[in-house]
């Protein structure tokens, strides 16, 4: 089972483009990342620049509308993610609990949808999807 662990740093929605990271916090997070890797559960991970450097494309009017960050209505934003492969939701939660997160961070855990999760009709409609993945 694949799970995405989404890091949500509270307050990151207003971080400036040149936000500086604390080297001690980065070192602690790297030790955690190494533990995931050494356990053989880590598929990939990345940190994300703050929303002030991003853009959103909305389709509420039926046409794409681009809005540059920061996004005033944002309450929680992603700061990064880990993709892990484990045997259960409980194991994913156990890994998230070991993260050296600070008091202003939380991790949302979401299971990745697999083709076997869908009806034969949906699987047929998505035929070729596996060929798109790298």
N, C-alpha and C. Protein backbone atom coordinates (compact mmCIF):
# COMPACT_ATOMS: atom_id res chain seq x y z
N UNK A 1 0.85 -1.18 0.00
CA UNK A 1 0.00 0.00 0.00
C UNK A 1 0.90 1.24 0.00
N UNK A 2 0.55 2.17 -0.87
CA UNK A 2 1.30 3.42 -0.90
C UNK A 2 0.50 4.50 -0.17
N UNK A 3 1.23 5.30 0.57
CA UNK A 3 0.63 6.42 1.30
C UNK A 3 1.46 7.67 1.04
N UNK A 4 0.77 8.79 0.95
CA UNK A 4 1.45 10.07 0.88
C UNK A 4 1.28 10.72 2.24
N UNK A 5 2.40 11.11 2.81
CA UNK A 5 2.39 11.86 4.07
C UNK A 5 2.64 13.32 3.68
N UNK A 6 1.66 14.16 3.94
CA UNK A 6 1.72 15.56 3.53
C UNK A 6 2.07 16.44 4.73
N UNK A 7 3.18 17.15 4.65
CA UNK A 7 3.59 18.05 5.73
C UNK A 7 2.86 19.38 5.55
N UNK A 8 2.17 19.80 6.60
CA UNK A 8 1.43 21.06 6.58
C UNK A 8 2.01 21.94 7.69
N UNK A 9 2.92 22.85 7.35
CA UNK A 9 3.48 23.76 8.35
C UNK A 9 2.55 24.97 8.53
N UNK A 10 1.94 25.06 9.67
CA UNK A 10 1.01 26.15 9.93
C UNK A 10 1.77 27.48 9.88
N UNK A 11 1.23 28.44 9.16
CA UNK A 11 1.88 29.73 8.98
C UNK A 11 2.67 29.82 7.68
N UNK A 12 2.91 28.69 7.01
CA UNK A 12 3.68 28.68 5.77
C UNK A 12 2.95 29.41 4.64
N UNK A 13 1.63 29.53 4.79
CA UNK A 13 0.85 30.20 3.74
C UNK A 13 1.25 31.67 3.58
N UNK A 14 1.88 32.26 4.59
CA UNK A 14 2.30 33.66 4.51
C UNK A 14 3.82 33.81 4.44
N UNK A 15 4.53 32.71 4.27
CA UNK A 15 6.00 32.77 4.23
C UNK A 15 6.47 33.52 2.99
N UNK A 16 7.49 34.35 3.15
CA UNK A 16 8.02 35.09 2.00
C UNK A 16 8.80 34.16 1.08
N UNK A 17 9.03 34.58 -0.17
CA UNK A 17 9.77 33.74 -1.12
C UNK A 17 11.17 33.36 -0.62
N UNK A 18 11.80 34.21 0.17
CA UNK A 18 13.16 33.96 0.63
C UNK A 18 13.21 33.38 2.04
N UNK A 19 12.17 32.64 2.43
CA UNK A 19 12.12 32.05 3.76
C UNK A 19 13.39 31.22 4.01
N UNK A 20 13.94 31.37 5.19
CA UNK A 20 15.17 30.67 5.55
C UNK A 20 14.86 29.48 6.44
N UNK A 21 15.49 28.35 6.16
CA UNK A 21 15.29 27.14 6.95
C UNK A 21 16.31 27.08 8.08
N UNK A 22 15.92 26.47 9.18
CA UNK A 22 16.79 26.28 10.32
C UNK A 22 17.64 25.03 10.07
N UNK A 23 18.97 25.18 9.99
CA UNK A 23 19.83 24.03 9.71
C UNK A 23 19.65 22.87 10.70
N UNK A 24 19.40 23.17 11.97
CA UNK A 24 19.21 22.10 12.96
C UNK A 24 17.93 21.31 12.66
N UNK A 25 16.88 22.01 12.25
CA UNK A 25 15.62 21.33 11.91
C UNK A 25 15.79 20.50 10.64
N UNK A 26 16.54 21.03 9.69
CA UNK A 26 16.79 20.29 8.45
C UNK A 26 17.59 19.02 8.77
N UNK A 27 18.58 19.12 9.64
CA UNK A 27 19.38 17.95 10.02
C UNK A 27 18.51 16.89 10.69
N UNK A 28 17.62 17.31 11.58
CA UNK A 28 16.71 16.36 12.24
C UNK A 28 15.80 15.69 11.22
N UNK A 29 15.29 16.47 10.28
CA UNK A 29 14.42 15.90 9.26
C UNK A 29 15.19 14.94 8.36
N UNK A 30 16.44 15.25 8.06
CA UNK A 30 17.25 14.35 7.25
C UNK A 30 17.49 13.02 7.96
N UNK A 31 17.67 13.04 9.26
CA UNK A 31 17.81 11.78 10.00
C UNK A 31 16.53 10.95 9.88
N UNK A 32 15.38 11.60 9.95
CA UNK A 32 14.10 10.92 9.77
C UNK A 32 13.99 10.35 8.36
N UNK A 33 14.34 11.15 7.36
CA UNK A 33 14.30 10.70 5.97
C UNK A 33 15.21 9.48 5.76
N UNK A 34 16.38 9.51 6.37
CA UNK A 34 17.31 8.37 6.27
C UNK A 34 16.70 7.13 6.92
N UNK A 35 15.99 7.30 8.03
CA UNK A 35 15.34 6.15 8.68
C UNK A 35 14.28 5.54 7.77
N UNK A 36 13.50 6.38 7.09
CA UNK A 36 12.51 5.89 6.13
C UNK A 36 13.21 5.11 5.00
N UNK A 37 14.29 5.68 4.49
CA UNK A 37 15.05 5.04 3.41
C UNK A 37 15.64 3.72 3.88
N UNK A 38 16.29 3.73 5.05
CA UNK A 38 16.94 2.53 5.56
C UNK A 38 15.93 1.41 5.83
N UNK A 39 14.70 1.77 6.18
CA UNK A 39 13.66 0.77 6.43
C UNK A 39 13.08 0.23 5.12
N UNK A 40 13.44 0.85 4.01
CA UNK A 40 12.96 0.38 2.71
C UNK A 40 11.54 0.78 2.39
N UNK A 41 11.00 1.80 3.08
CA UNK A 41 9.61 2.22 2.84
C UNK A 41 9.52 3.49 2.02
N UNK A 42 10.60 4.24 1.88
CA UNK A 42 10.58 5.53 1.18
C UNK A 42 10.59 5.32 -0.33
N UNK A 43 9.63 5.93 -1.00
CA UNK A 43 9.59 5.92 -2.47
C UNK A 43 10.19 7.22 -2.99
N UNK A 44 9.71 8.35 -2.47
CA UNK A 44 10.24 9.65 -2.86
C UNK A 44 9.83 10.68 -1.81
N UNK A 45 10.45 11.83 -1.85
CA UNK A 45 10.10 12.94 -0.96
C UNK A 45 10.57 14.23 -1.57
N UNK A 46 9.90 15.30 -1.23
CA UNK A 46 10.30 16.64 -1.69
C UNK A 46 9.74 17.67 -0.74
N UNK A 47 10.47 18.77 -0.61
CA UNK A 47 9.96 19.95 0.06
C UNK A 47 9.43 20.90 -1.01
N UNK A 48 8.53 21.77 -0.62
CA UNK A 48 7.93 22.71 -1.57
C UNK A 48 8.23 24.14 -1.16
N UNK A 49 8.51 24.98 -2.15
CA UNK A 49 8.67 26.41 -1.90
C UNK A 49 7.34 26.96 -1.36
N UNK A 50 7.38 28.10 -0.67
CA UNK A 50 6.14 28.66 -0.11
C UNK A 50 5.16 29.11 -1.20
N UNK A 51 3.89 29.21 -0.85
CA UNK A 51 2.86 29.63 -1.80
C UNK A 51 3.14 30.99 -2.44
N UNK A 52 3.91 31.85 -1.77
CA UNK A 52 4.21 33.15 -2.34
C UNK A 52 4.97 33.03 -3.66
N UNK A 53 5.54 31.86 -3.93
CA UNK A 53 6.25 31.63 -5.19
C UNK A 53 5.41 30.82 -6.17
N UNK A 54 4.20 30.44 -5.76
CA UNK A 54 3.38 29.57 -6.58
C UNK A 54 2.31 30.29 -7.37
N UNK A 55 1.49 29.52 -8.01
CA UNK A 55 0.34 30.02 -8.76
C UNK A 55 -0.77 28.98 -8.66
N UNK A 56 -2.00 29.44 -8.81
CA UNK A 56 -3.16 28.55 -8.86
C UNK A 56 -3.89 28.82 -10.16
N UNK A 57 -4.40 27.76 -10.74
CA UNK A 57 -5.23 27.88 -11.93
C UNK A 57 -6.61 27.37 -11.54
N UNK A 58 -7.61 28.26 -11.58
CA UNK A 58 -8.98 27.88 -11.22
C UNK A 58 -9.84 27.86 -12.48
N UNK A 59 -10.95 27.14 -12.40
CA UNK A 59 -11.81 26.95 -13.56
C UNK A 59 -13.27 27.27 -13.24
N UNK A 60 -13.50 28.07 -12.20
CA UNK A 60 -14.86 28.36 -11.75
C UNK A 60 -15.72 28.99 -12.84
N UNK A 61 -15.13 29.74 -13.73
CA UNK A 61 -15.89 30.41 -14.79
C UNK A 61 -15.96 29.57 -16.07
N UNK A 62 -15.35 28.38 -16.03
CA UNK A 62 -15.28 27.55 -17.23
C UNK A 62 -14.04 27.81 -18.04
N UNK A 63 -13.33 28.87 -17.72
CA UNK A 63 -12.06 29.22 -18.37
C UNK A 63 -10.97 29.24 -17.31
N UNK A 64 -9.75 28.89 -17.67
CA UNK A 64 -8.68 28.92 -16.68
C UNK A 64 -8.32 30.35 -16.27
N UNK A 65 -8.24 30.58 -14.98
CA UNK A 65 -7.85 31.87 -14.44
C UNK A 65 -6.64 31.63 -13.53
N UNK A 66 -5.55 32.34 -13.79
CA UNK A 66 -4.32 32.17 -13.03
C UNK A 66 -4.24 33.23 -11.93
N UNK A 67 -3.95 32.77 -10.72
CA UNK A 67 -3.75 33.66 -9.58
C UNK A 67 -2.36 33.39 -9.02
N UNK A 68 -1.54 34.42 -8.94
CA UNK A 68 -0.21 34.26 -8.36
C UNK A 68 -0.31 34.27 -6.84
N UNK A 69 0.59 33.49 -6.19
CA UNK A 69 0.65 33.46 -4.74
C UNK A 69 1.27 34.73 -4.20
N UNK A 70 1.10 35.00 -2.93
CA UNK A 70 0.43 34.14 -1.94
C UNK A 70 -1.09 34.20 -2.11
N UNK A 71 -1.76 33.24 -1.50
CA UNK A 71 -3.20 33.10 -1.65
C UNK A 71 -3.87 33.50 -0.33
N UNK A 72 -4.53 34.64 -0.34
CA UNK A 72 -5.06 35.21 0.90
C UNK A 72 -6.06 34.31 1.61
N UNK A 73 -6.79 33.48 0.86
CA UNK A 73 -7.81 32.64 1.49
C UNK A 73 -7.23 31.33 2.04
N UNK A 74 -5.96 31.06 1.81
CA UNK A 74 -5.35 29.81 2.26
C UNK A 74 -5.22 29.77 3.78
N UNK A 75 -5.65 28.67 4.37
CA UNK A 75 -5.49 28.48 5.81
C UNK A 75 -4.41 27.46 6.11
N UNK A 76 -4.29 26.45 5.27
CA UNK A 76 -3.26 25.42 5.40
C UNK A 76 -2.70 25.14 4.01
N UNK A 77 -1.39 25.02 3.92
CA UNK A 77 -0.75 24.73 2.65
C UNK A 77 0.29 23.64 2.86
N UNK A 78 0.68 22.98 1.79
CA UNK A 78 1.69 21.93 1.87
C UNK A 78 3.08 22.53 1.90
N UNK A 79 3.91 21.96 2.74
CA UNK A 79 5.32 22.35 2.78
C UNK A 79 6.21 21.28 2.17
N UNK A 80 5.66 20.08 2.00
CA UNK A 80 6.42 18.99 1.42
C UNK A 80 5.65 17.69 1.57
N UNK A 81 6.26 16.61 1.11
CA UNK A 81 5.59 15.31 1.17
C UNK A 81 6.59 14.18 1.15
N UNK A 82 6.15 13.04 1.62
CA UNK A 82 6.85 11.77 1.49
C UNK A 82 5.88 10.80 0.84
N UNK A 83 6.35 9.99 -0.07
CA UNK A 83 5.58 8.87 -0.60
C UNK A 83 6.24 7.62 -0.04
N UNK A 84 5.45 6.84 0.68
CA UNK A 84 5.99 5.63 1.30
C UNK A 84 5.17 4.42 0.88
N UNK A 85 5.78 3.26 0.97
CA UNK A 85 5.07 2.01 0.71
C UNK A 85 5.20 1.14 1.94
N UNK A 86 4.06 0.87 2.56
CA UNK A 86 3.99 0.10 3.80
C UNK A 86 2.86 -0.91 3.69
N UNK A 87 2.69 -1.70 4.72
CA UNK A 87 1.69 -2.77 4.65
C UNK A 87 0.30 -2.36 5.14
N UNK A 88 0.21 -1.19 5.80
CA UNK A 88 -1.10 -0.81 6.35
C UNK A 88 -1.15 0.68 6.68
N UNK A 89 -2.37 1.16 6.88
CA UNK A 89 -2.58 2.54 7.34
C UNK A 89 -1.92 2.74 8.71
N UNK A 90 -2.02 1.73 9.56
CA UNK A 90 -1.43 1.82 10.90
C UNK A 90 0.09 2.00 10.82
N UNK A 91 0.73 1.31 9.88
CA UNK A 91 2.17 1.46 9.71
C UNK A 91 2.52 2.86 9.20
N UNK A 92 1.72 3.39 8.30
CA UNK A 92 1.94 4.76 7.81
C UNK A 92 1.82 5.75 8.96
N UNK A 93 0.82 5.57 9.80
CA UNK A 93 0.64 6.45 10.96
C UNK A 93 1.84 6.31 11.91
N UNK A 94 2.31 5.10 12.10
CA UNK A 94 3.47 4.89 12.98
C UNK A 94 4.69 5.65 12.47
N UNK A 95 4.91 5.64 11.16
CA UNK A 95 6.02 6.41 10.60
C UNK A 95 5.80 7.91 10.78
N UNK A 96 4.60 8.39 10.55
CA UNK A 96 4.32 9.82 10.72
C UNK A 96 4.56 10.25 12.16
N UNK A 97 4.22 9.40 13.09
CA UNK A 97 4.41 9.72 14.52
C UNK A 97 5.88 9.90 14.88
N UNK A 98 6.77 9.31 14.10
CA UNK A 98 8.20 9.40 14.39
C UNK A 98 8.84 10.66 13.79
N UNK A 99 8.11 11.41 12.99
CA UNK A 99 8.65 12.60 12.35
C UNK A 99 9.03 13.65 13.41
N UNK A 100 10.18 14.29 13.26
CA UNK A 100 10.58 15.33 14.21
C UNK A 100 9.90 16.67 13.91
N UNK A 101 8.61 16.65 13.74
CA UNK A 101 7.86 17.87 13.43
C UNK A 101 7.82 18.80 14.63
N UNK A 102 7.67 20.09 14.33
CA UNK A 102 7.56 21.08 15.40
C UNK A 102 6.09 21.27 15.78
N UNK A 103 5.85 22.07 16.80
CA UNK A 103 4.49 22.28 17.31
C UNK A 103 3.57 22.95 16.28
N UNK A 104 4.15 23.62 15.28
CA UNK A 104 3.30 24.29 14.28
C UNK A 104 3.20 23.50 12.98
N UNK A 105 3.48 22.20 13.04
CA UNK A 105 3.40 21.36 11.85
C UNK A 105 2.46 20.18 12.12
N UNK A 106 1.81 19.73 11.06
CA UNK A 106 1.03 18.51 11.15
C UNK A 106 1.22 17.73 9.87
N UNK A 107 0.96 16.43 9.95
CA UNK A 107 1.10 15.56 8.79
C UNK A 107 -0.24 14.92 8.50
N UNK A 108 -0.69 15.07 7.28
CA UNK A 108 -1.90 14.40 6.80
C UNK A 108 -1.45 13.16 6.04
N UNK A 109 -2.11 12.04 6.30
CA UNK A 109 -1.76 10.78 5.66
C UNK A 109 -2.89 10.38 4.73
N UNK A 110 -2.55 10.13 3.47
CA UNK A 110 -3.55 9.77 2.47
C UNK A 110 -3.08 8.56 1.69
N UNK A 111 -3.94 7.54 1.60
CA UNK A 111 -3.60 6.36 0.82
C UNK A 111 -3.74 6.68 -0.66
N UNK A 112 -2.79 6.18 -1.45
CA UNK A 112 -2.81 6.37 -2.90
C UNK A 112 -3.80 5.39 -3.51
N UNK A 113 -4.61 5.86 -4.42
CA UNK A 113 -5.57 4.99 -5.11
C UNK A 113 -4.84 4.06 -6.05
N UNK A 114 -5.20 2.81 -6.02
CA UNK A 114 -4.65 1.79 -6.91
C UNK A 114 -5.77 1.35 -7.84
N UNK A 115 -5.43 0.87 -9.02
CA UNK A 115 -6.45 0.44 -9.98
C UNK A 115 -7.38 -0.62 -9.40
N UNK A 116 -6.85 -1.49 -8.57
CA UNK A 116 -7.69 -2.55 -7.99
C UNK A 116 -8.77 -1.99 -7.06
N UNK A 117 -8.64 -0.73 -6.67
CA UNK A 117 -9.64 -0.09 -5.80
C UNK A 117 -10.91 0.27 -6.56
N UNK A 118 -10.87 0.23 -7.90
CA UNK A 118 -11.96 0.73 -8.72
C UNK A 118 -12.73 -0.39 -9.40
N UNK A 119 -13.93 -0.05 -9.83
CA UNK A 119 -14.78 -0.99 -10.56
C UNK A 119 -14.15 -1.30 -11.92
N UNK A 120 -14.57 -2.41 -12.54
CA UNK A 120 -14.05 -2.73 -13.88
C UNK A 120 -14.31 -1.61 -14.89
N UNK A 121 -15.44 -0.91 -14.75
CA UNK A 121 -15.77 0.19 -15.68
C UNK A 121 -14.77 1.34 -15.54
N UNK A 122 -14.42 1.67 -14.31
CA UNK A 122 -13.46 2.75 -14.08
C UNK A 122 -12.07 2.30 -14.54
N UNK A 123 -11.73 1.05 -14.28
CA UNK A 123 -10.43 0.54 -14.74
C UNK A 123 -10.33 0.61 -16.26
N UNK A 124 -11.42 0.29 -16.96
CA UNK A 124 -11.43 0.36 -18.42
C UNK A 124 -11.28 1.80 -18.89
N UNK A 125 -11.97 2.74 -18.23
CA UNK A 125 -11.88 4.15 -18.60
C UNK A 125 -10.47 4.70 -18.40
N UNK A 126 -9.74 4.13 -17.42
CA UNK A 126 -8.39 4.59 -17.11
C UNK A 126 -7.33 3.73 -17.79
N UNK A 127 -7.72 2.90 -18.72
CA UNK A 127 -6.75 2.04 -19.40
C UNK A 127 -5.62 2.89 -19.97
N UNK A 128 -4.41 2.44 -19.78
CA UNK A 128 -3.23 3.17 -20.25
C UNK A 128 -2.64 4.07 -19.19
N UNK A 129 -3.32 4.25 -18.06
CA UNK A 129 -2.79 5.13 -17.02
C UNK A 129 -1.44 4.66 -16.52
N UNK A 130 -1.28 3.36 -16.32
CA UNK A 130 0.00 2.85 -15.82
C UNK A 130 1.14 3.19 -16.77
N UNK A 131 0.86 3.27 -18.07
CA UNK A 131 1.88 3.62 -19.05
C UNK A 131 2.33 5.07 -18.95
N UNK A 132 1.52 5.93 -18.32
CA UNK A 132 1.88 7.34 -18.17
C UNK A 132 2.82 7.58 -17.01
N UNK A 133 2.81 6.68 -16.04
CA UNK A 133 3.63 6.85 -14.84
C UNK A 133 5.06 6.50 -15.16
N UNK A 134 5.99 7.28 -14.59
CA UNK A 134 7.40 7.03 -14.84
C UNK A 134 8.01 6.22 -13.73
